[in-house]
């Protein structure tokens, strides 16, 4: 049985983008906590932190896009890209409101890269779905 064209076993997902966003934000928050603990309890330097943040953000976007594409079962690049773009927009809003930053080209690059990583994850996710028609 399908709900809005999306089915995953016995669980029904009505919005693959929302599910992907939950995965993306969950992984991003969990990795932030882990990085904070590593920074506090180990000799990890703050100079290496930006690179680790970019890596964990890319992993969270790929995972969220993957989940979105798998649930959507079609147009993974589109649904994963939308998931990534929404994530990038939320980060941009946090930067605007939390750090009182004006518009910077860097923020536009973050949204574009979020879209690209989400799209890539979505393409992988669509290709892992199994075709149950016989």
C-alpha atoms as a PDB file:
ATOM      1  CA  UNK A   1       0.000   0.000   0.000  1.00  0.00           C
ATOM      2  CA  UNK A   2       1.276   3.472  -0.796  1.00  0.00           C
ATOM      3  CA  UNK A   3       0.636   6.892   0.690  1.00  0.00           C
ATOM      4  CA  UNK A   4       1.438   9.747  -1.692  1.00  0.00           C
ATOM      5  CA  UNK A   5       3.458   7.316  -3.786  1.00  0.00           C
ATOM      6  CA  UNK A   6       5.793   6.514  -0.906  1.00  0.00           C
ATOM      7  CA  UNK A   7       5.967   3.165   0.807  1.00  0.00           C
ATOM      8  CA  UNK A   8       8.513   1.494   3.016  1.00  0.00           C
ATOM      9  CA  UNK A   9       7.361  -1.902   4.259  1.00  0.00           C
ATOM     10  CA  UNK A  10       4.632  -1.483   6.810  1.00  0.00           C
ATOM     11  CA  UNK A  11       5.564   2.077   7.741  1.00  0.00           C
ATOM     12  CA  UNK A  12       3.978   4.859   5.769  1.00  0.00           C
ATOM     13  CA  UNK A  13       5.804   8.087   5.090  1.00  0.00           C
ATOM     14  CA  UNK A  14       3.740  10.897   3.694  1.00  0.00           C
ATOM     15  CA  UNK A  15       6.618  13.305   3.154  1.00  0.00           C
ATOM     16  CA  UNK A  16      10.096  12.032   2.230  1.00  0.00           C
ATOM     17  CA  UNK A  17      11.577  15.540   2.455  1.00  0.00           C
ATOM     18  CA  UNK A  18      10.480  15.884   6.069  1.00  0.00           C
ATOM     19  CA  UNK A  19      11.921  12.463   6.907  1.00  0.00           C
ATOM     20  CA  UNK A  20      15.198  13.410   5.222  1.00  0.00           C
ATOM     21  CA  UNK A  21      15.340  16.677   7.154  1.00  0.00           C
ATOM     22  CA  UNK A  22      14.826  14.814  10.414  1.00  0.00           C
ATOM     23  CA  UNK A  23      17.740  12.523   9.524  1.00  0.00           C
ATOM     24  CA  UNK A  24      19.923  15.439   8.423  1.00  0.00           C
ATOM     25  CA  UNK A  25      19.337  17.542  11.522  1.00  0.00           C
ATOM     26  CA  UNK A  26      19.614  14.522  13.833  1.00  0.00           C
ATOM     27  CA  UNK A  27      23.001  13.551  12.437  1.00  0.00           C
ATOM     28  CA  UNK A  28      24.193  17.167  12.458  1.00  0.00           C
ATOM     29  CA  UNK A  29      23.175  17.653  16.094  1.00  0.00           C
ATOM     30  CA  UNK A  30      24.658  14.319  17.175  1.00  0.00           C
ATOM     31  CA  UNK A  31      27.936  15.025  15.387  1.00  0.00           C
ATOM     32  CA  UNK A  32      28.065  18.500  16.960  1.00  0.00           C
ATOM     33  CA  UNK A  33      27.740  16.955  20.397  1.00  0.00           C
ATOM     34  CA  UNK A  34      30.462  14.424  19.604  1.00  0.00           C
ATOM     35  CA  UNK A  35      32.783  17.139  18.269  1.00  0.00           C
ATOM     36  CA  UNK A  36      32.156  19.231  21.378  1.00  0.00           C
ATOM     37  CA  UNK A  37      33.034  16.304  23.633  1.00  0.00           C
ATOM     38  CA  UNK A  38      36.150  15.534  21.586  1.00  0.00           C
ATOM     39  CA  UNK A  39      37.223  19.158  21.781  1.00  0.00           C
ATOM     40  CA  UNK A  40      36.714  19.243  25.540  1.00  0.00           C
ATOM     41  CA  UNK A  41      38.152  15.861  26.535  1.00  0.00           C
ATOM     42  CA  UNK A  42      40.964  15.377  24.010  1.00  0.00           C
ATOM     43  CA  UNK A  43      43.843  17.377  22.645  1.00  0.00           C
ATOM     44  CA  UNK A  44      41.881  18.199  19.493  1.00  0.00           C
ATOM     45  CA  UNK A  45      42.724  21.742  18.465  1.00  0.00           C
ATOM     46  CA  UNK A  46      40.213  24.375  17.476  1.00  0.00           C
ATOM     47  CA  UNK A  47      42.116  24.916  14.212  1.00  0.00           C
ATOM     48  CA  UNK A  48      41.004  21.505  12.933  1.00  0.00           C
ATOM     49  CA  UNK A  49      37.390  22.107  13.919  1.00  0.00           C
ATOM     50  CA  UNK A  50      36.174  23.866  10.712  1.00  0.00           C
ATOM     51  CA  UNK A  51      37.311  20.956   8.539  1.00  0.00           C
ATOM     52  CA  UNK A  52      35.586  18.460  10.842  1.00  0.00           C
ATOM     53  CA  UNK A  53      32.398  20.540  10.786  1.00  0.00           C
ATOM     54  CA  UNK A  54      32.389  20.586   6.964  1.00  0.00           C
ATOM     55  CA  UNK A  55      32.922  16.820   6.858  1.00  0.00           C
ATOM     56  CA  UNK A  56      30.158  16.048   9.342  1.00  0.00           C
ATOM     57  CA  UNK A  57      27.790  18.460   7.581  1.00  0.00           C
ATOM     58  CA  UNK A  58      28.481  16.759   4.255  1.00  0.00           C
ATOM     59  CA  UNK A  59      27.861  13.345   5.833  1.00  0.00           C
ATOM     60  CA  UNK A  60      24.588  14.510   7.370  1.00  0.00           C
ATOM     61  CA  UNK A  61      23.442  15.984   4.037  1.00  0.00           C
ATOM     62  CA  UNK A  62      24.367  12.826   2.145  1.00  0.00           C
ATOM     63  CA  UNK A  63      22.533  10.681   4.700  1.00  0.00           C
ATOM     64  CA  UNK A  64      19.446  12.885   4.728  1.00  0.00           C
ATOM     65  CA  UNK A  65      19.377  13.001   0.936  1.00  0.00           C
ATOM     66  CA  UNK A  66      19.842   9.237   0.829  1.00  0.00           C
ATOM     67  CA  UNK A  67      16.852   8.698   3.126  1.00  0.00           C
ATOM     68  CA  UNK A  68      14.761  11.159   1.118  1.00  0.00           C
ATOM     69  CA  UNK A  69      15.629   9.479  -2.178  1.00  0.00           C
ATOM     70  CA  UNK A  70      14.984   6.023  -0.798  1.00  0.00           C
ATOM     71  CA  UNK A  71      11.564   7.025   0.516  1.00  0.00           C
ATOM     72  CA  UNK A  72      10.623   8.972  -2.597  1.00  0.00           C
ATOM     73  CA  UNK A  73      11.726   6.093  -4.872  1.00  0.00           C
ATOM     74  CA  UNK A  74      11.812   8.509  -7.817  1.00  0.00           C
ATOM     75  CA  UNK A  75      13.588  11.769  -8.705  1.00  0.00           C
ATOM     76  CA  UNK A  76      16.127  11.358  -5.924  1.00  0.00           C
ATOM     77  CA  UNK A  77      18.231  14.264  -7.103  1.00  0.00           C
ATOM     78  CA  UNK A  78      15.189  16.536  -6.882  1.00  0.00           C
ATOM     79  CA  UNK A  79      13.885  15.438  -3.480  1.00  0.00           C
ATOM     80  CA  UNK A  80      17.379  15.134  -1.993  1.00  0.00           C
ATOM     81  CA  UNK A  81      18.308  18.540  -3.386  1.00  0.00           C
ATOM     82  CA  UNK A  82      15.224  20.143  -1.887  1.00  0.00           C
ATOM     83  CA  UNK A  83      16.092  18.543   1.451  1.00  0.00           C
ATOM     84  CA  UNK A  84      19.635  19.916   1.236  1.00  0.00           C
ATOM     85  CA  UNK A  85      18.472  23.367   0.157  1.00  0.00           C
ATOM     86  CA  UNK A  86      16.048  23.594   3.078  1.00  0.00           C
ATOM     87  CA  UNK A  87      18.853  22.580   5.436  1.00  0.00           C
ATOM     88  CA  UNK A  88      21.101  25.239   3.891  1.00  0.00           C
ATOM     89  CA  UNK A  89      18.379  27.869   4.207  1.00  0.00           C
ATOM     90  CA  UNK A  90      17.878  27.021   7.882  1.00  0.00           C
ATOM     91  CA  UNK A  91      21.626  27.358   8.481  1.00  0.00           C
ATOM     92  CA  UNK A  92      21.595  30.685   6.659  1.00  0.00           C
ATOM     93  CA  UNK A  93      18.698  31.923   8.805  1.00  0.00           C
ATOM     94  CA  UNK A  94      20.563  30.874  11.944  1.00  0.00           C
ATOM     95  CA  UNK A  95      23.605  32.813  10.759  1.00  0.00           C
ATOM     96  CA  UNK A  96      21.518  35.888   9.959  1.00  0.00           C
ATOM     97  CA  UNK A  97      19.614  35.870  13.226  1.00  0.00           C
ATOM     98  CA  UNK A  98      22.176  34.378  15.598  1.00  0.00           C
ATOM     99  CA  UNK A  99      25.334  36.098  14.424  1.00  0.00           C
ATOM    100  CA  UNK A 100      23.838  39.267  12.906  1.00  0.00           C
ATOM    101  CA  UNK A 101      25.575  38.702   9.577  1.00  0.00           C
ATOM    102  CA  UNK A 102      24.610  40.486   6.407  1.00  0.00           C
ATOM    103  CA  UNK A 103      24.363  38.806   3.026  1.00  0.00           C
ATOM    104  CA  UNK A 104      27.612  37.183   1.987  1.00  0.00           C
ATOM    105  CA  UNK A 105      28.472  35.134  -1.068  1.00  0.00           C
ATOM    106  CA  UNK A 106      29.604  32.421   1.345  1.00  0.00           C
ATOM    107  CA  UNK A 107      26.002  31.921   2.506  1.00  0.00           C
ATOM    108  CA  UNK A 108      24.813  31.426  -1.070  1.00  0.00           C
ATOM    109  CA  UNK A 109      27.611  28.895  -1.581  1.00  0.00           C
ATOM    110  CA  UNK A 110      26.448  26.991   1.517  1.00  0.00           C
ATOM    111  CA  UNK A 111      22.911  26.713   0.123  1.00  0.00           C
ATOM    112  CA  UNK A 112      24.223  25.582  -3.268  1.00  0.00           C
ATOM    113  CA  UNK A 113      26.588  23.007  -1.753  1.00  0.00           C
ATOM    114  CA  UNK A 114      23.806  21.766   0.537  1.00  0.00           C
ATOM    115  CA  UNK A 115      21.616  21.280  -2.528  1.00  0.00           C
ATOM    116  CA  UNK A 116      24.405  19.395  -4.328  1.00  0.00           C
ATOM    117  CA  UNK A 117      25.228  17.069  -1.419  1.00  0.00           C
ATOM    118  CA  UNK A 118      21.528  16.405  -0.778  1.00  0.00           C
ATOM    119  CA  UNK A 119      21.036  15.656  -4.479  1.00  0.00           C
ATOM    120  CA  UNK A 120      23.949  13.250  -4.504  1.00  0.00           C
ATOM    121  CA  UNK A 121      22.567  11.429  -1.468  1.00  0.00           C
ATOM    122  CA  UNK A 122      19.122  11.342  -3.083  1.00  0.00           C
ATOM    123  CA  UNK A 123      20.548   9.766  -6.246  1.00  0.00           C
ATOM    124  CA  UNK A 124      22.202   7.052  -4.183  1.00  0.00           C
ATOM    125  CA  UNK A 125      18.994   6.531  -2.204  1.00  0.00           C
ATOM    126  CA  UNK A 126      16.805   6.080  -5.277  1.00  0.00           C
ATOM    127  CA  UNK A 127      19.212   3.527  -6.689  1.00  0.00           C
ATOM    128  CA  UNK A 128      18.961   1.379  -3.561  1.00  0.00           C
ATOM    129  CA  UNK A 129      15.189   0.985  -3.715  1.00  0.00           C
ATOM    130  CA  UNK A 130      13.992  -2.428  -4.789  1.00  0.00           C
ATOM    131  CA  UNK A 131      11.428  -2.863  -7.482  1.00  0.00           C
ATOM    132  CA  UNK A 132       8.623  -5.075  -6.100  1.00  0.00           C
ATOM    133  CA  UNK A 133       6.638  -5.306  -9.343  1.00  0.00           C
ATOM    134  CA  UNK A 134       6.751  -8.671 -11.093  1.00  0.00           C
END
